[in-house]
C-alpha atoms as a PDB file:
ATOM      1  CA  MET A   1    -134.236  94.159 179.355  1.00  0.00           C
ATOM      2  CA  ASP A   2    -137.414  95.130 177.632  1.00  0.00           C
ATOM      3  CA  SER A   3    -139.538  92.064 176.933  1.00  0.00           C
ATOM      4  CA  THR A   4    -140.189  93.363 173.422  1.00  0.00           C
ATOM      5  CA  ASP A   5    -136.466  93.310 172.423  1.00  0.00           C
ATOM      6  CA  PRO A   6    -135.472  90.361 170.141  1.00  0.00           C
ATOM      7  CA  PRO A   7    -133.340  87.712 171.819  1.00  0.00           C
ATOM      8  CA  ARG A   8    -129.631  87.924 171.134  1.00  0.00           C
ATOM      9  CA  ALA A   9    -128.112  85.123 169.145  1.00  0.00           C
ATOM     10  CA  ALA A  10    -126.395  82.651 171.332  1.00  0.00           C
ATOM     11  CA  ARG A  11    -122.649  82.854 171.192  1.00  0.00           C
ATOM     12  CA  ARG A  12    -121.048  79.998 169.304  1.00  0.00           C
ATOM     13  CA  SER A  13    -118.169  78.173 170.782  1.00  0.00           C
ATOM     14  CA  ALA A  14    -114.782  77.837 169.094  1.00  0.00           C
ATOM     15  CA  GLY A  15    -115.596  74.194 168.412  1.00  0.00           C
ATOM     16  CA  GLU A  16    -118.737  75.146 166.474  1.00  0.00           C
ATOM     17  CA  TRP A  17    -116.840  77.701 164.405  1.00  0.00           C
ATOM     18  CA  LEU A  18    -114.156  75.142 163.660  1.00  0.00           C
ATOM     19  CA  PHE A  19    -116.786  72.579 162.656  1.00  0.00           C
ATOM     20  CA  GLN A  20    -118.459  74.981 160.235  1.00  0.00           C
ATOM     21  CA  LEU A  21    -115.124  76.080 158.747  1.00  0.00           C
ATOM     22  CA  THR A  22    -114.113  72.463 158.298  1.00  0.00           C
ATOM     23  CA  THR A  23    -117.447  71.657 156.646  1.00  0.00           C
ATOM     24  CA  ILE A  24    -117.087  74.568 154.215  1.00  0.00           C
ATOM     25  CA  THR A  25    -113.494  73.652 153.445  1.00  0.00           C
ATOM     26  CA  ILE A  26    -114.415  70.044 152.752  1.00  0.00           C
ATOM     27  CA  GLY A  27    -117.229  71.177 150.475  1.00  0.00           C
ATOM     28  CA  VAL A  28    -114.875  73.424 148.503  1.00  0.00           C
ATOM     29  CA  LEU A  29    -112.295  70.648 148.209  1.00  0.00           C
ATOM     30  CA  ILE A  30    -114.953  68.196 147.005  1.00  0.00           C
ATOM     31  CA  ALA A  31    -116.129  70.712 144.393  1.00  0.00           C
ATOM     32  CA  LEU A  32    -112.558  71.325 143.213  1.00  0.00           C
ATOM     33  CA  SER A  33    -111.822  67.611 143.122  1.00  0.00           C
ATOM     34  CA  PHE A  34    -114.986  66.957 141.131  1.00  0.00           C
ATOM     35  CA  ASP A  35    -114.025  69.695 138.668  1.00  0.00           C
ATOM     36  CA  ALA A  36    -110.515  68.236 138.371  1.00  0.00           C
ATOM     37  CA  VAL A  37    -111.940  64.781 137.701  1.00  0.00           C
ATOM     38  CA  LEU A  38    -114.203  66.182 134.989  1.00  0.00           C
ATOM     39  CA  ARG A  39    -111.280  68.052 133.412  1.00  0.00           C
ATOM     40  CA  TRP A  40    -109.075  64.968 133.583  1.00  0.00           C
ATOM     41  CA  SER A  41    -111.814  62.860 132.014  1.00  0.00           C
ATOM     42  CA  SER A  42    -112.332  65.443 129.266  1.00  0.00           C
ATOM     43  CA  ASP A  43    -108.595  65.656 128.542  1.00  0.00           C
ATOM     44  CA  ARG A  44    -108.322  61.887 128.468  1.00  0.00           C
ATOM     45  CA  SER A  45    -111.208  61.630 126.007  1.00  0.00           C
ATOM     46  CA  LEU A  46    -109.651  64.333 123.828  1.00  0.00           C
ATOM     47  CA  VAL A  47    -106.305  62.514 123.705  1.00  0.00           C
ATOM     48  CA  ALA A  48    -107.959  59.144 123.038  1.00  0.00           C
ATOM     49  CA  GLU A  49    -109.980  60.611 120.162  1.00  0.00           C
ATOM     50  CA  ALA A  50    -106.888  62.315 118.708  1.00  0.00           C
ATOM     51  CA  ARG A  51    -104.855  59.115 118.895  1.00  0.00           C
ATOM     52  CA  ALA A  52    -107.601  57.076 117.255  1.00  0.00           C
ATOM     53  CA  THR A  53    -108.032  59.624 114.454  1.00  0.00           C
ATOM     54  CA  ILE A  54    -104.297  59.864 113.788  1.00  0.00           C
ATOM     55  CA  ALA A  55    -103.941  56.064 113.846  1.00  0.00           C
ATOM     56  CA  LEU A  56    -106.643  55.716 111.174  1.00  0.00           C
ATOM     57  CA  GLU A  57    -105.095  58.516 109.141  1.00  0.00           C
ATOM     58  CA  ILE A  58    -101.642  56.921 109.267  1.00  0.00           C
ATOM     59  CA  ALA A  59    -103.042  53.504 108.320  1.00  0.00           C
ATOM     60  CA  ASP A  60    -104.828  55.035 105.303  1.00  0.00           C
ATOM     61  CA  ASN A  61    -101.715  56.994 104.332  1.00  0.00           C
ATOM     62  CA  ARG A  62     -99.552  53.889 104.522  1.00  0.00           C
ATOM     63  CA  ARG A  63    -101.882  51.910 102.242  1.00  0.00           C
ATOM     64  CA  GLU A  64    -101.929  54.789  99.765  1.00  0.00           C
ATOM     65  CA  LEU A  65     -98.148  55.195  99.912  1.00  0.00           C
ATOM     66  CA  ASP A  66     -97.347  51.495  99.575  1.00  0.00           C
ATOM     67  CA  ALA A  67     -99.612  51.234  96.525  1.00  0.00           C
ATOM     68  CA  HIS A  68     -97.815  54.232  95.037  1.00  0.00           C
ATOM     69  CA  LEU A  69     -94.360  52.786  95.756  1.00  0.00           C
ATOM     70  CA  ALA A  70     -95.351  49.460  94.180  1.00  0.00           C
ATOM     71  CA  SER A  71     -95.709  51.172  90.789  1.00  0.00           C
ATOM     72  CA  TYR A  72     -92.344  52.990  90.818  1.00  0.00           C
ATOM     73  CA  ASP A  73     -90.544  50.402  88.679  1.00  0.00           C
ATOM     74  CA  GLU A  74     -93.273  50.755  86.058  1.00  0.00           C
ATOM     75  CA  ARG A  75     -92.919  54.555  86.100  1.00  0.00           C
ATOM     76  CA  VAL A  76     -89.141  54.374  85.738  1.00  0.00           C
ATOM     77  CA  ALA A  77     -89.528  51.867  82.878  1.00  0.00           C
ATOM     78  CA  ARG A  78     -91.778  54.320  81.010  1.00  0.00           C
ATOM     79  CA  ILE A  79     -89.228  57.084  81.449  1.00  0.00           C
ATOM     80  CA  ASP A  80     -86.472  54.799  80.185  1.00  0.00           C
ATOM     81  CA  ASP A  81     -88.647  54.000  77.162  1.00  0.00           C
ATOM     82  CA  GLY A  82     -88.814  57.709  76.423  1.00  0.00           C
ATOM     83  CA  LEU A  83     -85.036  58.096  76.735  1.00  0.00           C
ATOM     84  CA  LYS A  84     -84.501  55.058  74.508  1.00  0.00           C
ATOM     85  CA  LEU A  85     -86.839  56.500  71.893  1.00  0.00           C
ATOM     86  CA  LEU A  86     -84.906  59.780  71.898  1.00  0.00           C
ATOM     87  CA  ALA A  87     -81.590  57.928  71.587  1.00  0.00           C
ATOM     88  CA  GLU A  88     -82.836  55.921  68.619  1.00  0.00           C
ATOM     89  CA  LEU A  89     -84.130  59.044  66.879  1.00  0.00           C
ATOM     90  CA  GLU A  90     -80.832  60.776  67.574  1.00  0.00           C
ATOM     91  CA  VAL A  91     -78.818  58.134  65.676  1.00  0.00           C
ATOM     92  CA  GLY A  92     -81.424  57.762  62.940  1.00  0.00           C
ATOM     93  CA  VAL A  93     -82.432  54.126  63.465  1.00  0.00           C
ATOM     94  CA  GLU A  94     -85.946  52.725  63.294  1.00  0.00           C
ATOM     95  CA  PRO A  95     -87.497  53.258  66.734  1.00  0.00           C
ATOM     96  CA  THR A  96     -88.332  50.151  68.709  1.00  0.00           C
ATOM     97  CA  ILE A  97     -90.461  52.279  71.033  1.00  0.00           C
ATOM     98  CA  HIS A  98     -93.632  53.574  69.424  1.00  0.00           C
ATOM     99  CA  GLU A  99     -95.546  54.961  72.377  1.00  0.00           C
ATOM    100  CA  VAL A 100     -94.462  56.523  75.662  1.00  0.00           C
ATOM    101  CA  THR A 101     -96.961  57.248  78.435  1.00  0.00           C
ATOM    102  CA  LEU A 102     -95.665  59.370  81.303  1.00  0.00           C
ATOM    103  CA  GLY A 103     -98.550  58.920  83.702  1.00  0.00           C
ATOM    104  CA  MET A 104     -97.664  60.441  87.092  1.00  0.00           C
ATOM    105  CA  ASP A 105     -99.788  61.033  90.134  1.00  0.00           C
ATOM    106  CA  LEU A 106     -99.527  62.164  93.723  1.00  0.00           C
ATOM    107  CA  PRO A 107    -100.621  59.771  96.469  1.00  0.00           C
ATOM    108  CA  SER A 108    -103.322  61.222  98.717  1.00  0.00           C
ATOM    109  CA  LEU A 109    -101.528  61.537 102.054  1.00  0.00           C
ATOM    110  CA  ASN A 110    -103.607  63.391 104.622  1.00  0.00           C
ATOM    111  CA  ASP A 111    -102.582  65.289 107.754  1.00  0.00           C
ATOM    112  CA  THR A 112    -105.998  66.521 108.897  1.00  0.00           C
ATOM    113  CA  GLY A 113    -105.973  64.384 112.051  1.00  0.00           C
ATOM    114  CA  TRP A 114    -102.526  65.651 113.003  1.00  0.00           C
ATOM    115  CA  GLN A 115    -103.435  69.301 112.355  1.00  0.00           C
ATOM    116  CA  THR A 116    -106.712  68.983 114.280  1.00  0.00           C
ATOM    117  CA  ALA A 117    -104.953  67.417 117.271  1.00  0.00           C
ATOM    118  CA  GLY A 118    -102.642  70.414 117.365  1.00  0.00           C
ATOM    119  CA  ARG A 119    -105.449  72.953 117.163  1.00  0.00           C
ATOM    120  CA  THR A 120    -107.575  71.300 119.868  1.00  0.00           C
ATOM    121  CA  GLY A 121    -104.674  71.098 122.306  1.00  0.00           C
ATOM    122  CA  ALA A 122    -104.504  67.306 122.316  1.00  0.00           C
ATOM    123  CA  MET A 123    -100.811  67.433 121.400  1.00  0.00           C
ATOM    124  CA  GLY A 124    -100.065  69.290 124.616  1.00  0.00           C
ATOM    125  CA  LEU A 125    -101.627  66.477 126.663  1.00  0.00           C
ATOM    126  CA  MET A 126     -99.641  63.658 125.050  1.00  0.00           C
ATOM    127  CA  GLU A 127     -96.231  62.320 126.000  1.00  0.00           C
ATOM    128  CA  TYR A 128     -93.354  64.349 124.557  1.00  0.00           C
ATOM    129  CA  THR A 129     -91.730  61.366 122.831  1.00  0.00           C
ATOM    130  CA  GLU A 130     -95.038  60.409 121.204  1.00  0.00           C
ATOM    131  CA  VAL A 131     -95.563  63.912 119.825  1.00  0.00           C
ATOM    132  CA  GLN A 132     -91.957  64.030 118.632  1.00  0.00           C
ATOM    133  CA  GLU A 133     -92.320  60.788 116.664  1.00  0.00           C
ATOM    134  CA  LEU A 134     -95.553  62.002 115.084  1.00  0.00           C
ATOM    135  CA  ALA A 135     -94.019  65.368 114.202  1.00  0.00           C
ATOM    136  CA  GLU A 136     -91.017  63.726 112.528  1.00  0.00           C
ATOM    137  CA  THR A 137     -93.239  61.377 110.524  1.00  0.00           C
ATOM    138  CA  TYR A 138     -95.585  64.113 109.311  1.00  0.00           C
ATOM    139  CA  ALA A 139     -92.606  66.336 108.454  1.00  0.00           C
ATOM    140  CA  LEU A 140     -91.183  63.505 106.322  1.00  0.00           C
ATOM    141  CA  GLN A 141     -94.615  63.086 104.741  1.00  0.00           C
ATOM    142  CA  ALA A 142     -94.643  66.767 103.757  1.00  0.00           C
ATOM    143  CA  LEU A 143     -91.109  66.488 102.332  1.00  0.00           C
ATOM    144  CA  PHE A 144     -92.094  63.424 100.289  1.00  0.00           C
ATOM    145  CA  THR A 145     -95.129  65.203  98.836  1.00  0.00           C
ATOM    146  CA  ASP A 146     -93.113  68.361  98.084  1.00  0.00           C
ATOM    147  CA  THR A 147     -90.500  66.252  96.276  1.00  0.00           C
ATOM    148  CA  LEU A 148     -93.132  64.632  94.058  1.00  0.00           C
ATOM    149  CA  ARG A 149     -94.813  67.863  92.923  1.00  0.00           C
ATOM    150  CA  PRO A 150     -92.004  69.005  90.573  1.00  0.00           C
ATOM    151  CA  VAL A 151     -91.837  65.435  89.232  1.00  0.00           C
ATOM    152  CA  LEU A 152     -95.457  65.741  88.201  1.00  0.00           C
ATOM    153  CA  VAL A 153     -94.846  69.149  86.594  1.00  0.00           C
ATOM    154  CA  ALA A 154     -91.802  67.957  84.644  1.00  0.00           C
ATOM    155  CA  ALA A 155     -93.643  64.838  83.458  1.00  0.00           C
ATOM    156  CA  ILE A 156     -96.568  66.949  82.245  1.00  0.00           C
ATOM    157  CA  GLU A 157     -94.211  69.301  80.378  1.00  0.00           C
ATOM    158  CA  ALA A 158     -92.446  66.384  78.688  1.00  0.00           C
ATOM    159  CA  GLY A 159     -95.784  64.792  77.810  1.00  0.00           C
ATOM    160  CA  VAL A 160     -97.075  68.007  76.256  1.00  0.00           C
ATOM    161  CA  ILE A 161     -94.031  68.230  73.989  1.00  0.00           C
ATOM    162  CA  MET A 162     -94.109  64.540  73.070  1.00  0.00           C
ATOM    163  CA  ASN A 163     -97.810  64.667  72.189  1.00  0.00           C
ATOM    164  CA  SER A 164     -97.758  67.944  70.291  1.00  0.00           C
ATOM    165  CA  PRO A 165     -99.095  67.926  66.682  1.00  0.00           C
ATOM    166  CA  GLY A 166     -96.800  66.951  63.821  1.00  0.00           C
ATOM    167  CA  ASP A 167     -93.364  65.514  64.529  1.00  0.00           C
ATOM    168  CA  PRO A 168     -92.420  66.661  68.040  1.00  0.00           C
ATOM    169  CA  PHE A 169     -88.913  65.173  67.701  1.00  0.00           C
ATOM    170  CA  ALA A 170     -88.019  66.758  64.377  1.00  0.00           C
ATOM    171  CA  THR A 171     -85.423  69.108  65.839  1.00  0.00           C
ATOM    172  CA  ALA A 172     -82.501  68.455  68.166  1.00  0.00           C
ATOM    173  CA  THR A 173     -83.662  71.346  70.367  1.00  0.00           C
ATOM    174  CA  THR A 174     -86.996  69.659  71.018  1.00  0.00           C
ATOM    175  CA  ARG A 175     -85.377  66.302  71.673  1.00  0.00           C
ATOM    176  CA  ASP A 176     -82.941  67.900  74.115  1.00  0.00           C
ATOM    177  CA  ALA A 177     -85.794  69.647  75.935  1.00  0.00           C
ATOM    178  CA  VAL A 178     -87.690  66.374  76.342  1.00  0.00           C
ATOM    179  CA  ARG A 179     -84.543  64.492  77.360  1.00  0.00           C
ATOM    180  CA  GLN A 180     -83.729  67.102  80.012  1.00  0.00           C
ATOM    181  CA  ARG A 181     -87.180  66.807  81.540  1.00  0.00           C
ATOM    182  CA  LEU A 182     -87.094  63.021  81.477  1.00  0.00           C
ATOM    183  CA  PHE A 183     -83.768  62.951  83.308  1.00  0.00           C
ATOM    184  CA  GLU A 184     -85.182  65.448  85.811  1.00  0.00           C
ATOM    185  CA  VAL A 185     -88.229  63.243  86.374  1.00  0.00           C
ATOM    186  CA  ARG A 186     -86.101  60.131  86.756  1.00  0.00           C
ATOM    187  CA  GLY A 187     -83.740  61.695  89.292  1.00  0.00           C
ATOM    188  CA  LYS A 188     -86.442  63.218  91.452  1.00  0.00           C
ATOM    189  CA  LEU A 189     -88.524  60.082  91.186  1.00  0.00           C
ATOM    190  CA  GLU A 190     -85.660  58.057  92.657  1.00  0.00           C
ATOM    191  CA  LEU A 191     -85.295  60.577  95.494  1.00  0.00           C
ATOM    192  CA  ALA A 192     -89.023  60.366  96.128  1.00  0.00           C
ATOM    193  CA  ARG A 193     -88.798  56.573  96.201  1.00  0.00           C
ATOM    194  CA  GLN A 194     -86.120  56.705  98.912  1.00  0.00           C
ATOM    195  CA  LEU A 195     -88.142  59.170 100.963  1.00  0.00           C
ATOM    196  CA  GLY A 196     -91.259  57.071 100.454  1.00  0.00           C
ATOM    197  CA  VAL A 197     -89.549  53.941 101.777  1.00  0.00           C
ATOM    198  CA  GLN A 198     -88.430  55.865 104.874  1.00  0.00           C
ATOM    199  CA  LEU A 199     -91.925  57.254 105.321  1.00  0.00           C
ATOM    200  CA  SER A 200     -93.525  53.826 105.047  1.00  0.00           C
ATOM    201  CA  ALA A 201     -91.150  52.560 107.745  1.00  0.00           C
ATOM    202  CA  GLY A 202     -92.101  55.544 109.899  1.00  0.00           C
ATOM    203  CA  TYR A 203     -95.776  54.755 109.485  1.00  0.00           C
ATOM    204  CA  SER A 204     -95.116  51.152 110.532  1.00  0.00           C
ATOM    205  CA  LYS A 205     -93.477  52.264 113.783  1.00  0.00           C
ATOM    206  CA  LEU A 206     -96.534  54.325 114.702  1.00  0.00           C
ATOM    207  CA  GLU A 207     -99.171  51.703 113.920  1.00  0.00           C
END
């Protein structure tokens, strides 16, 4: 061999190769495990944040709903006053009701926390039964709100007629139109009350 040639690398034994392969494998497994831990921690934080946000949202919604339900008897009484006034005018007696106020409103029930949890993927990381209960409650919330909207419209229409200039009850046609809307409001208001009671109970189960 020429003295100027570079020395050949010493052959490595099978044990050395096995040691290096094991070291590399362990390193890869540690890296994967670390990544899995980070992902698990991130998912756990996402779920915890979603649960906390939804819990606050449901608590706020329940307070808003319960306050709304507490005034239902007063709303129904005002509608009955309007029906009584129409009945008295119909038979030509002196009205005992001189003013009817059909104030209606929609409770502010939010679903932002629920919608955000769905968009961020937090729903997919929760237990199935938990997501199912939340979905049923928010679906009932949407149904309750949708039931109240036509109540508000009908109440506004009746109020416009009742507060129009001159004598809004001069004709039987006008009285019938107001009476029809008042009965519509009363019926849908009772349905909304029943749905609201169910919804409040659903909120309670989730708190």
